[in-house]
Amino acid sequence: MSKKWLIAVTGTFTHLLLGTVYAWSFFQTPITRFAGWNNAQTAWAFSLSIFMLGVTSAWAGNKMSVYGPRRLSMIGGALYALGYLISGFALARQSLFLLYFGFGIIGGIGLGLAYVTPVATVSAWFTQKQGLATGMVVMGFGFGALVMSKLLAPLFLKLSDGNLSTTFYYVGAVMIVLIPALASFLQLPKNDKPQETIKEKIPIARYIKAKPFVTVWLIFMINIVAGMIFISFQSPLLQDMLKIRMPAGTDFSDAGVVASLAAAGATLIAASSIFNGLGRFVWGSISDKIGRMPTFRILLALQTVIFGLLIFVRHPVVFSVLVCIVLLCYGGGFGVLPSLTKEMYGSKLMPSLYGALLTAWSVGGIVGPQVVAFMKDNYADKAGLYAFVVGGGLLIVGLALSLEYKDPREAG
């Protein structure tokens, strides 16, 4: 295996482990019931994690030439693992503050450090087929929820006799060993000469303030909000639909019923995770052929139609299929963005501006989950309906922005 493909493969597996954060929906309901917190309070742990991921990615992308991708990613992996360990302690103490601090702040910082570096590194190695190469790496992140919901979480819950706190300890132990080991393979190609860029100040601010950057940032953020609505609450939303179809008088506190509903939710998480992962690779490859922004337009248009359909859907199977398509498009945004950034600004500016664009993930990671959490806490019977209306409206705005987008290379 050539060096660049070894780096691409290890980067993909690094992202696979980092992407376990996307299985939060698996833990949302059990944690809420166990600790007695409401949906919004519990969801803030996930929202904070994604917020810190985006903010830290911006810093890491700008500093990659100073510290190198290997060091940043190894530290990030260790911090992500530490976040799980602190979260386990938080659940044992039923401390919401510690859960926010561990999973949200510490874990989120770790995610940001370890996420951007493999993508930017692989982008530097692959001068051809950018969408395919970087799409493969971020595909791993999309598959992370599958690994957690169908492998790690069930295994560790069984080993710990259903103890959430111990389960988080086990996950942290796995992460602290595997992620730094995989990240140790990361290195930039020799011709990148990062030491020369350290002394040179790149005027990032003027690019960030320009209309093309702002437009892409908004488009990406809206695409994220649409996906986050389901990533954070797809299991509870599906379980709500299943409860409606159960016989009158069903005891929803019965252990067998709870287990059955949880299993259905975990299956949807696993299935949508596959689509999330494939979307990054498939849409990244498609963008190599039809262009980056045309691909974004298709993603936004398709999701706009689906959100319109979701307003009327009441069948769990149809709901699940549509969720998987939304996650296919959600993943596609991550598959296209690295190549779009490199085409807009060149390889020299790519790590810094790609990291800056990931701050859209921070905003989307708060807006998406909190929209659903607010609806579930205040309009339980109509939570999905209202969330789909909000998401659909935002997607229409995103589609309009994509049609107005002007390539900075053409604009001069």
Protein backbone atom coordinates (compact mmCIF):
# COMPACT_ATOMS: atom_id res chain seq x y z
CA MET A 1 0.00 0.00 0.00
CA SER A 2 1.40 3.42 -0.96
CA LYS A 3 2.01 6.00 1.74
CA LYS A 4 -0.81 8.30 0.68
CA TRP A 5 -3.34 5.45 0.72
CA LEU A 6 -2.08 4.28 4.13
CA ILE A 7 -2.71 7.80 5.44
CA ALA A 8 -6.14 7.86 3.79
CA VAL A 9 -7.12 4.51 5.32
CA THR A 10 -5.89 5.31 8.85
CA GLY A 11 -7.55 8.72 8.56
CA THR A 12 -10.81 6.98 7.67
CA PHE A 13 -10.60 4.70 10.72
CA THR A 14 -9.76 7.68 12.92
CA HIS A 15 -12.94 9.34 11.70
CA LEU A 16 -14.87 6.10 12.23
CA LEU A 17 -14.09 6.26 15.96
CA LEU A 18 -14.69 10.00 16.21
CA GLY A 19 -18.04 9.59 14.47
CA THR A 20 -19.38 7.57 17.40
CA VAL A 21 -20.52 10.97 18.70
CA TYR A 22 -23.32 10.72 16.12
CA ALA A 23 -24.90 7.89 18.12
CA TRP A 24 -26.04 10.38 20.77
CA SER A 25 -29.64 9.62 19.82
CA PHE A 26 -29.04 6.11 21.19
CA PHE A 27 -28.29 7.53 24.64
CA GLN A 28 -30.71 10.51 24.64
CA THR A 29 -33.77 8.71 26.02
CA PRO A 30 -31.95 6.38 28.49
CA ILE A 31 -29.99 9.28 29.99
CA THR A 32 -33.10 11.45 30.24
CA ARG A 33 -35.00 8.70 32.06
CA PHE A 34 -32.07 7.72 34.29
CA ALA A 35 -31.16 11.22 35.46
CA GLY A 36 -34.61 12.84 35.35
CA TRP A 37 -33.51 15.67 33.05
CA ASN A 38 -35.73 16.97 30.26
CA ASN A 39 -34.94 16.51 26.56
CA ALA A 40 -33.45 19.97 26.08
CA GLN A 41 -31.15 19.64 29.10
CA THR A 42 -29.83 16.27 27.95
CA ALA A 43 -29.47 17.31 24.30
CA TRP A 44 -27.25 20.24 25.28
CA ALA A 45 -24.41 17.79 25.97
CA PHE A 46 -24.48 16.77 22.30
CA SER A 47 -25.01 20.34 21.09
CA LEU A 48 -22.03 21.59 23.09
CA SER A 49 -19.89 18.78 21.71
CA ILE A 50 -20.66 19.72 18.11
CA PHE A 51 -20.27 23.42 18.90
CA MET A 52 -16.79 22.86 20.34
CA LEU A 53 -15.95 20.58 17.42
CA GLY A 54 -16.57 23.38 14.93
CA VAL A 55 -14.83 26.10 16.93
CA THR A 56 -11.78 23.94 17.65
CA SER A 57 -11.59 22.78 14.02
CA ALA A 58 -11.20 26.42 12.97
CA TRP A 59 -8.25 26.82 15.35
CA ALA A 60 -6.70 23.46 14.44
CA GLY A 61 -6.93 24.11 10.71
CA ASN A 62 -5.13 27.42 11.15
CA LYS A 63 -2.44 25.89 13.39
CA MET A 64 -1.83 22.64 11.52
CA SER A 65 1.24 24.06 9.80
CA VAL A 66 2.68 24.99 13.21
CA TYR A 67 2.03 21.84 15.25
CA GLY A 68 1.56 19.26 12.50
CA PRO A 69 -1.43 16.98 11.90
CA ARG A 70 -0.08 14.04 13.91
CA ARG A 71 0.32 15.89 17.19
CA LEU A 72 -3.02 17.68 16.93
CA SER A 73 -4.91 14.50 16.07
CA MET A 74 -3.29 12.41 18.81
CA ILE A 75 -4.06 15.04 21.45
CA GLY A 76 -7.58 15.33 20.06
CA GLY A 77 -8.15 11.58 20.33
CA ALA A 78 -6.96 11.57 23.94
CA LEU A 79 -9.27 14.46 24.83
CA TYR A 80 -12.24 12.81 23.13
CA ALA A 81 -11.60 9.70 25.20
CA LEU A 82 -11.25 11.80 28.35
CA GLY A 83 -14.64 13.33 27.56
CA TYR A 84 -16.25 9.89 27.74
CA LEU A 85 -14.48 9.08 31.00
CA ILE A 86 -15.66 12.33 32.60
CA SER A 87 -19.15 11.69 31.24
CA GLY A 88 -19.19 8.29 32.92
CA PHE A 89 -18.36 9.94 36.23
CA ALA A 90 -21.01 12.60 35.54
CA LEU A 91 -23.70 9.96 35.02
CA ALA A 92 -22.67 8.13 38.19
CA ARG A 93 -23.08 11.40 40.10
CA GLN A 94 -26.08 12.51 37.99
CA SER A 95 -24.28 15.80 37.41
CA LEU A 96 -25.55 17.69 34.37
CA PHE A 97 -22.71 20.21 34.65
CA LEU A 98 -20.07 17.47 34.53
CA LEU A 99 -21.80 15.87 31.54
CA TYR A 100 -21.67 19.20 29.71
CA PHE A 101 -18.03 19.65 30.69
CA GLY A 102 -16.96 16.11 29.80
CA PHE A 103 -18.95 15.14 26.72
CA GLY A 104 -19.61 18.69 25.54
CA ILE A 105 -16.49 20.76 26.21
CA ILE A 106 -13.56 18.34 26.62
CA GLY A 107 -14.89 15.74 24.19
CA GLY A 108 -15.88 18.43 21.68
CA ILE A 109 -12.43 20.02 21.74
CA GLY A 110 -10.93 16.59 21.14
CA LEU A 111 -13.25 16.04 18.19
CA GLY A 112 -12.26 19.36 16.63
CA LEU A 113 -8.52 18.70 16.93
CA ALA A 114 -8.78 15.18 15.53
CA TYR A 115 -11.42 15.81 12.83
CA VAL A 116 -9.91 18.48 10.62
CA THR A 117 -6.34 17.14 10.53
CA PRO A 118 -6.93 13.85 8.65
CA VAL A 119 -9.12 15.62 6.07
CA ALA A 120 -6.61 18.40 5.40
CA THR A 121 -3.72 15.91 5.35
CA VAL A 122 -5.38 13.60 2.83
CA SER A 123 -6.33 16.62 0.72
CA ALA A 124 -2.64 17.57 0.57
CA TRP A 125 -1.64 14.09 -0.61
CA PHE A 126 -4.30 13.71 -3.32
CA THR A 127 -4.00 16.25 -6.11
CA GLN A 128 -6.48 14.30 -8.27
CA LYS A 129 -9.93 12.98 -7.31
CA GLN A 130 -10.21 15.29 -4.33
CA GLY A 131 -13.86 14.52 -3.72
CA LEU A 132 -13.27 10.77 -3.72
CA ALA A 133 -10.27 10.86 -1.36
CA THR A 134 -11.59 13.29 1.23
CA GLY A 135 -15.07 11.79 0.86
CA MET A 136 -13.63 8.42 1.85
CA VAL A 137 -12.10 9.87 5.02
CA VAL A 138 -15.22 11.69 6.21
CA MET A 139 -17.26 8.62 5.25
CA GLY A 140 -15.69 7.02 8.31
CA PHE A 141 -17.20 9.71 10.52
CA GLY A 142 -20.63 8.99 9.11
CA PHE A 143 -20.31 5.28 9.88
CA GLY A 144 -19.39 6.03 13.50
CA ALA A 145 -22.98 5.90 14.75
CA LEU A 146 -23.29 2.38 13.31
CA VAL A 147 -20.22 1.24 15.25
CA MET A 148 -21.54 2.73 18.48
CA SER A 149 -25.23 1.78 18.22
CA LYS A 150 -24.75 -1.78 16.99
CA LEU A 151 -21.35 -2.77 18.39
CA LEU A 152 -19.78 -0.75 21.19
CA ALA A 153 -22.84 0.43 23.13
CA PRO A 154 -24.72 -2.93 23.13
CA LEU A 155 -21.52 -4.82 24.02
CA PHE A 156 -20.56 -2.53 26.88
CA LEU A 157 -24.13 -2.25 28.18
CA LYS A 158 -24.23 -6.04 28.32
CA LEU A 159 -20.86 -6.25 30.08
CA SER A 160 -21.96 -3.62 32.60
CA ASP A 161 -25.47 -5.04 33.16
CA GLY A 162 -27.04 -1.92 31.64
CA ASN A 163 -25.00 0.57 33.66
CA LEU A 164 -24.71 3.78 31.59
CA SER A 165 -21.82 5.16 33.62
CA THR A 166 -19.68 2.04 33.20
CA THR A 167 -20.55 1.89 29.50
CA PHE A 168 -19.11 5.38 29.02
CA TYR A 169 -15.96 4.32 30.90
CA TYR A 170 -15.51 1.37 28.54
CA VAL A 171 -15.97 3.56 25.45
CA GLY A 172 -13.42 6.05 26.78
CA ALA A 173 -10.89 3.26 27.35
CA VAL A 174 -11.25 2.05 23.75
CA MET A 175 -10.90 5.57 22.34
CA ILE A 176 -7.81 6.48 24.34
CA VAL A 177 -5.95 3.48 22.91
CA LEU A 178 -7.11 3.38 19.29
CA ILE A 179 -7.42 7.00 18.13
CA PRO A 180 -3.88 8.17 19.05
CA ALA A 181 -2.49 4.94 17.54
CA LEU A 182 -4.24 5.58 14.22
CA ALA A 183 -3.40 9.29 14.27
CA SER A 184 0.30 8.48 14.57
CA PHE A 185 0.36 7.69 10.83
CA LEU A 186 -0.61 11.23 9.80
CA GLN A 187 1.99 13.40 8.10
CA LEU A 188 2.00 15.99 5.34
CA PRO A 189 3.83 15.34 2.05
CA LYS A 190 7.38 16.69 2.04
CA ASN A 191 6.70 19.27 -0.65
CA ASP A 192 4.16 21.01 1.63
CA LYS A 193 7.03 22.50 3.67
CA PRO A 194 4.92 23.63 6.63
CA GLN A 195 7.89 25.36 8.23
CA GLU A 196 7.77 28.07 5.56
CA THR A 197 4.14 28.88 6.21
CA ILE A 198 4.74 29.41 9.91
CA LYS A 199 6.55 32.68 9.29
CA GLU A 200 4.10 33.90 6.69
CA LYS A 201 0.94 35.63 7.82
CA ILE A 202 -2.01 34.60 5.68
CA PRO A 203 -4.79 37.23 5.50
CA ILE A 204 -7.55 34.83 6.50
CA ALA A 205 -9.87 37.57 7.79
CA ARG A 206 -10.43 39.19 4.40
CA TYR A 207 -11.49 35.87 2.89
CA ILE A 208 -13.85 35.10 5.76
CA LYS A 209 -15.60 38.46 5.40
CA ALA A 210 -16.10 38.05 1.65
CA LYS A 211 -19.49 37.07 0.20
CA PRO A 212 -18.44 33.68 -1.29
CA PHE A 213 -17.20 32.42 2.09
CA VAL A 214 -20.30 33.67 3.93
CA THR A 215 -22.58 32.08 1.33
CA VAL A 216 -20.88 28.68 1.54
CA TRP A 217 -20.87 28.92 5.36
CA LEU A 218 -24.64 29.53 5.42
CA ILE A 219 -25.37 26.76 2.90
CA PHE A 220 -23.27 24.28 4.89
CA MET A 221 -24.85 25.35 8.19
CA ILE A 222 -28.38 24.85 6.84
CA ASN A 223 -27.47 21.42 5.47
CA ILE A 224 -26.16 20.54 8.94
CA VAL A 225 -29.29 21.74 10.76
CA ALA A 226 -31.42 19.49 8.54
CA GLY A 227 -29.33 16.44 9.40
CA MET A 228 -28.92 17.28 13.08
CA ILE A 229 -32.68 17.30 13.55
CA PHE A 230 -32.51 13.54 13.03
CA ILE A 231 -29.04 12.66 14.29
CA SER A 232 -29.93 13.96 17.74
CA PHE A 233 -33.54 12.71 17.93
CA GLN A 234 -34.22 10.10 15.23
CA SER A 235 -34.64 7.31 17.79
CA PRO A 236 -37.11 9.20 20.05
CA LEU A 237 -39.06 10.47 17.01
CA LEU A 238 -39.35 6.95 15.60
CA GLN A 239 -40.37 5.57 19.00
CA ASP A 240 -43.11 8.21 19.24
CA MET A 241 -44.52 6.99 15.90
CA LEU A 242 -44.33 3.35 16.99
CA LYS A 243 -46.14 4.11 20.27
CA ILE A 244 -49.08 5.61 18.37
CA ARG A 245 -49.48 2.36 16.41
CA MET A 246 -49.39 0.14 19.52
CA PRO A 247 -52.64 -1.21 21.03
CA ALA A 248 -54.52 1.04 23.43
CA GLY A 249 -53.54 0.42 27.02
CA THR A 250 -49.95 -0.59 26.24
CA ASP A 251 -47.70 -0.04 29.25
CA PHE A 252 -44.81 1.99 27.86
CA SER A 253 -42.87 1.55 31.10
CA ASP A 254 -42.83 -2.24 30.68
CA ALA A 255 -39.25 -3.49 30.28
CA GLY A 256 -40.11 -5.54 27.20
CA VAL A 257 -41.82 -2.61 25.47
CA VAL A 258 -38.95 -0.27 26.35
CA ALA A 259 -36.40 -2.76 24.97
CA SER A 260 -38.42 -3.27 21.78
CA LEU A 261 -38.70 0.47 21.13
CA ALA A 262 -35.01 1.00 21.90
CA ALA A 263 -34.04 -1.79 19.48
CA ALA A 264 -36.10 -0.17 16.72
CA GLY A 265 -34.43 3.17 17.40
CA ALA A 266 -30.97 1.59 17.37
CA THR A 267 -31.72 -0.07 14.03
CA LEU A 268 -32.68 3.27 12.49
CA ILE A 269 -29.53 4.88 13.90
CA ALA A 270 -27.44 2.11 12.35
CA ALA A 271 -29.20 2.29 8.98
CA SER A 272 -29.06 6.08 8.75
CA SER A 273 -25.40 5.95 9.78
CA ILE A 274 -24.66 3.82 6.72
CA PHE A 275 -26.39 6.38 4.50
CA ASN A 276 -24.58 9.23 6.28
CA GLY A 277 -21.26 7.54 5.60
CA LEU A 278 -22.02 6.56 2.01
CA GLY A 279 -23.29 10.05 1.27
CA ARG A 280 -19.88 11.52 2.03
CA PHE A 281 -18.16 9.20 -0.41
CA VAL A 282 -20.85 9.07 -3.11
CA TRP A 283 -21.63 12.80 -3.27
CA GLY A 284 -17.93 13.67 -2.98
CA SER A 285 -17.25 11.48 -6.03
CA ILE A 286 -20.24 12.92 -7.91
CA SER A 287 -18.96 16.43 -7.24
CA ASP A 288 -15.72 15.48 -9.05
CA LYS A 289 -17.84 15.08 -12.17
CA ILE A 290 -20.60 17.72 -12.01
CA GLY A 291 -18.98 20.36 -9.79
CA ARG A 292 -19.13 21.22 -6.09
CA MET A 293 -21.90 23.82 -5.91
CA PRO A 294 -24.18 22.00 -8.39
CA THR A 295 -23.92 19.03 -6.02
CA PHE A 296 -24.91 21.19 -3.06
CA ARG A 297 -27.93 22.42 -5.04
CA ILE A 298 -29.10 18.84 -5.60
CA LEU A 299 -28.61 18.03 -1.90
CA LEU A 300 -30.65 21.01 -0.75
CA ALA A 301 -33.42 20.56 -3.33
CA LEU A 302 -33.82 16.87 -2.50
CA GLN A 303 -34.01 17.55 1.23
CA THR A 304 -36.53 20.34 0.73
CA VAL A 305 -38.86 17.85 -0.96
CA ILE A 306 -38.30 15.24 1.77
CA PHE A 307 -38.99 17.66 4.62
CA GLY A 308 -42.22 18.59 2.87
CA LEU A 309 -43.18 14.91 2.73
CA LEU A 310 -42.22 14.34 6.37
CA ILE A 311 -44.88 16.83 7.47
CA PHE A 312 -47.52 14.33 6.31
CA VAL A 313 -45.80 10.99 7.02
CA ARG A 314 -47.10 8.91 9.93
CA HIS A 315 -45.80 5.45 9.00
CA PRO A 316 -42.59 4.38 10.82
CA VAL A 317 -41.12 2.57 7.79
CA VAL A 318 -41.69 5.49 5.42
CA PHE A 319 -40.32 7.85 8.09
CA SER A 320 -37.19 5.70 8.42
CA VAL A 321 -36.59 5.63 4.66
CA LEU A 322 -36.90 9.42 4.41
CA VAL A 323 -34.58 9.91 7.40
CA CYS A 324 -31.96 7.76 5.67
CA ILE A 325 -32.19 9.90 2.52
CA VAL A 326 -31.80 13.09 4.58
CA LEU A 327 -28.70 11.61 6.23
CA LEU A 328 -27.38 10.63 2.78
CA CYS A 329 -27.60 14.32 1.84
CA TYR A 330 -26.27 15.48 5.20
CA GLY A 331 -23.18 13.34 4.73
CA GLY A 332 -22.85 14.62 1.18
CA GLY A 333 -22.23 18.15 2.44
CA PHE A 334 -19.21 16.94 4.39
CA GLY A 335 -17.96 14.99 1.38
CA VAL A 336 -18.12 18.00 -0.93
CA LEU A 337 -16.91 20.80 1.38
CA PRO A 338 -13.15 19.98 1.53
CA SER A 339 -12.83 19.92 -2.27
CA LEU A 340 -14.96 23.04 -2.66
CA THR A 341 -12.75 24.87 -0.16
CA LYS A 342 -9.56 23.81 -1.94
CA GLU A 343 -10.95 24.87 -5.32
CA MET A 344 -12.04 28.24 -3.94
CA TYR A 345 -8.83 29.13 -2.11
CA GLY A 346 -6.04 26.73 -3.13
CA SER A 347 -4.11 24.13 -1.12
CA LYS A 348 -2.16 26.71 0.90
CA LEU A 349 -5.26 28.33 2.40
CA MET A 350 -7.35 25.16 2.49
CA PRO A 351 -6.64 23.97 6.09
CA SER A 352 -7.31 27.39 7.63
CA LEU A 353 -10.45 28.21 5.65
CA TYR A 354 -11.81 24.67 5.80
CA GLY A 355 -11.48 24.83 9.56
CA ALA A 356 -13.21 28.23 9.56
CA LEU A 357 -16.09 26.84 7.49
CA LEU A 358 -16.54 24.06 10.03
CA THR A 359 -17.72 26.68 12.54
CA ALA A 360 -21.01 26.32 10.64
CA TRP A 361 -21.10 22.87 12.21
CA SER A 362 -20.97 24.56 15.62
CA VAL A 363 -24.07 26.61 14.90
CA GLY A 364 -25.93 23.77 13.18
CA GLY A 365 -25.04 21.44 16.02
CA ILE A 366 -26.87 23.72 18.43
CA VAL A 367 -29.82 24.77 16.27
CA GLY A 368 -30.82 21.31 14.97
CA PRO A 369 -30.97 19.37 18.26
CA GLN A 370 -32.41 22.27 20.25
CA VAL A 371 -35.24 22.84 17.76
CA VAL A 372 -36.42 19.26 18.27
CA ALA A 373 -35.76 19.29 22.02
CA PHE A 374 -37.82 22.47 22.42
CA MET A 375 -40.67 21.01 20.39
CA LYS A 376 -40.66 17.73 22.34
CA ASP A 377 -40.66 19.49 25.70
CA ASN A 378 -43.36 22.00 24.77
CA TYR A 379 -45.41 20.44 21.95
CA ALA A 380 -44.89 16.71 22.46
CA ASP A 381 -47.69 15.57 20.12
CA LYS A 382 -46.57 17.87 17.29
CA ALA A 383 -42.80 17.91 17.88
CA GLY A 384 -41.87 16.23 14.61
CA LEU A 385 -44.33 18.26 12.53
CA TYR A 386 -43.08 21.62 13.80
CA ALA A 387 -39.41 20.60 13.51
CA PHE A 388 -39.94 19.52 9.89
CA VAL A 389 -41.59 22.86 9.05
CA VAL A 390 -38.63 24.77 10.51
CA GLY A 391 -36.11 22.52 8.74
CA GLY A 392 -37.93 22.75 5.42
CA GLY A 393 -38.05 26.55 5.60
CA LEU A 394 -34.31 26.73 6.23
CA LEU A 395 -33.61 24.37 3.32
CA ILE A 396 -35.53 26.65 0.95
CA VAL A 397 -33.30 29.53 2.07
CA GLY A 398 -30.21 27.36 1.55
CA LEU A 399 -31.31 26.40 -1.95
CA ALA A 400 -31.85 30.06 -2.85
CA LEU A 401 -28.37 30.92 -1.56
CA SER A 402 -26.80 28.13 -3.61
CA LEU A 403 -28.46 29.46 -6.77
CA GLU A 404 -27.07 32.94 -6.05
CA TYR A 405 -23.53 31.69 -5.31
CA LYS A 406 -20.71 33.20 -7.35
CA ASP A 407 -17.36 31.39 -7.55
CA PRO A 408 -14.64 33.75 -6.19
CA ARG A 409 -12.30 32.63 -8.98
CA GLU A 410 -14.79 33.82 -11.58
CA ALA A 411 -15.62 36.98 -9.64
CA GLY A 412 -11.96 37.89 -9.55
